[in-house]
Protein backbone atom coordinates (compact mmCIF):
# COMPACT_ATOMS: atom_id res chain seq x y z
CA MET A 1 0.00 0.00 0.00
CA GLN A 2 2.83 2.39 0.83
CA ARG A 3 4.61 1.76 -2.49
CA ILE A 4 1.44 2.57 -4.41
CA SER A 5 0.87 5.72 -2.35
CA THR A 6 4.46 6.85 -2.85
CA SER A 7 4.29 6.32 -6.60
CA LYS A 8 0.99 8.23 -6.81
CA PHE A 9 2.49 11.02 -4.72
CA ASN A 10 5.50 11.22 -7.06
CA VAL A 11 3.20 11.44 -10.09
CA LEU A 12 1.23 14.21 -8.41
CA LYS A 13 4.41 16.11 -7.56
CA LYS A 14 5.60 15.79 -11.15
CA GLN A 15 2.28 17.11 -12.46
CA GLN A 16 2.27 19.99 -10.02
CA HIS A 17 5.85 21.16 -10.22
CA GLY A 18 6.95 19.63 -13.49
CA THR A 19 4.20 20.83 -15.72
CA TYR A 20 1.47 22.98 -14.25
CA GLU A 21 3.38 25.39 -12.04
CA LYS A 22 6.24 25.85 -14.53
CA LYS A 23 3.87 26.55 -17.40
CA LYS A 24 1.78 28.82 -15.23
CA GLN A 25 4.83 30.80 -14.12
CA ALA A 26 5.98 31.05 -17.73
CA THR A 27 2.66 32.28 -19.11
CA LEU A 28 1.34 34.58 -16.39
CA PRO A 29 4.09 37.24 -16.51
CA ALA A 30 3.76 37.48 -20.29
CA ILE A 31 0.01 37.89 -20.01
CA GLN A 32 0.21 40.40 -17.18
CA SER A 33 2.81 42.48 -18.99
CA GLU A 34 0.12 43.40 -21.52
CA ARG A 35 -1.41 46.76 -20.63
CA ASP A 36 -4.64 46.21 -22.51
CA LEU A 37 -7.20 44.06 -20.69
CA SER A 38 -8.73 43.03 -24.00
CA LYS A 39 -5.42 41.22 -24.67
CA GLN A 40 -4.94 39.87 -21.15
CA VAL A 41 -8.31 38.13 -20.97
CA PRO A 42 -7.78 36.01 -24.13
CA GLY A 43 -4.32 35.08 -22.84
CA LEU A 44 -5.80 33.88 -19.57
CA LEU A 45 -8.49 31.96 -21.45
CA ASP A 46 -5.78 30.28 -23.54
CA ALA A 47 -3.90 29.36 -20.36
CA LEU A 48 -7.02 27.67 -18.99
CA VAL A 49 -7.47 25.74 -22.22
CA VAL A 50 -3.82 24.64 -22.28
CA HIS A 51 -4.08 23.32 -18.72
CA ASP A 52 -7.54 21.84 -19.33
CA ILE A 53 -9.08 23.76 -16.45
CA PRO A 54 -12.86 24.13 -16.63
CA ALA A 55 -13.94 27.70 -16.18
CA VAL A 56 -17.27 29.40 -15.89
CA VAL A 57 -16.56 33.07 -15.38
CA SER A 58 -19.33 35.29 -14.07
CA ASN A 59 -21.92 32.94 -15.58
CA HIS A 60 -20.22 33.09 -18.99
CA SER A 61 -18.48 30.25 -20.74
CA PRO A 62 -15.03 30.88 -22.24
CA LYS A 63 -16.62 30.65 -25.69
CA ASN A 64 -19.05 33.46 -24.86
CA ILE A 65 -16.28 35.59 -23.37
CA ARG A 66 -14.39 35.29 -26.65
CA ARG A 67 -17.53 36.40 -28.48
CA PHE A 68 -17.85 39.43 -26.21
CA LEU A 69 -14.19 40.28 -26.82
CA ASN A 70 -14.69 40.06 -30.58
CA GLN A 71 -17.75 42.27 -30.29
CA ARG A 72 -15.79 44.76 -28.17
CA ARG A 73 -13.37 45.39 -31.03
CA ASN A 74 -16.14 47.01 -33.05
CA ASP A 75 -18.72 47.95 -30.45
CA PRO A 76 -17.98 49.61 -27.11
CA SER A 77 -21.07 48.12 -25.47
CA VAL A 78 -18.90 45.68 -23.48
CA PRO A 79 -17.72 47.77 -20.52
CA TYR A 80 -14.16 47.84 -19.25
CA SER A 81 -15.38 46.82 -15.79
CA MET A 82 -16.61 43.55 -17.27
CA LEU A 83 -13.10 42.83 -18.55
CA GLU A 84 -11.72 43.47 -15.06
CA VAL A 85 -14.18 41.00 -13.56
CA TRP A 86 -13.30 38.37 -16.17
CA LYS A 87 -9.59 38.87 -15.57
CA ALA A 88 -10.02 38.47 -11.81
CA ASP A 89 -12.17 35.36 -12.26
CA LEU A 90 -9.76 33.76 -14.72
CA ASN A 91 -6.81 34.42 -12.43
CA ARG A 92 -8.81 32.89 -9.60
CA CYS A 93 -9.40 29.74 -11.69
CA LEU A 94 -5.67 29.37 -12.29
CA HIS A 95 -4.87 29.84 -8.61
CA ILE A 96 -7.59 27.40 -7.55
CA GLN A 97 -5.85 24.71 -9.59
CA SER A 98 -2.61 25.47 -7.74
CA HIS A 99 -4.45 25.17 -4.43
CA LYS A 100 -5.93 21.83 -5.48
CA TYR A 101 -2.43 20.48 -6.13
CA GLN A 102 -1.25 21.81 -2.76
CA TYR A 103 -4.15 20.18 -0.90
CA ALA A 104 -3.64 16.89 -2.74
CA SER A 105 0.04 16.99 -1.86
CA LEU A 106 -0.76 17.68 1.78
CA PHE A 107 -3.22 14.80 1.86
CA CYS A 108 -0.64 12.47 0.31
CA ARG A 109 1.91 13.41 2.95
CA PHE A 110 -0.59 12.84 5.74
CA PHE A 111 -1.55 9.50 4.25
CA THR A 112 2.04 8.29 3.89
CA GLN A 113 2.78 9.36 7.48
CA TRP A 114 -0.27 7.47 8.64
CA LEU A 115 0.93 4.36 6.78
CA GLU A 116 4.30 4.57 8.49
């Protein structure tokens, strides 16, 4: 039982630190360096898609957010405050995934200590 738990824990650590956190740390500064929110929001949406993180932002699907962003290019009816809310929600989705990995890692450590 302990060998299985240890191997699962190693896989989880590799997913967290090897892929997700590195990619997140590589993409977030590039996205946040953009000054225009209408460019930051699509970058955050792309990051969610790359990491396969489901997101429903302020009762809008990512597909609908992209439609609003396309509409905003020609029509100013999409307010800037809406972009700010979407950006905050998308950032929250990315950080929630980090927290999920941290909680899973903590649980794995508790479990392996319990087995010992």
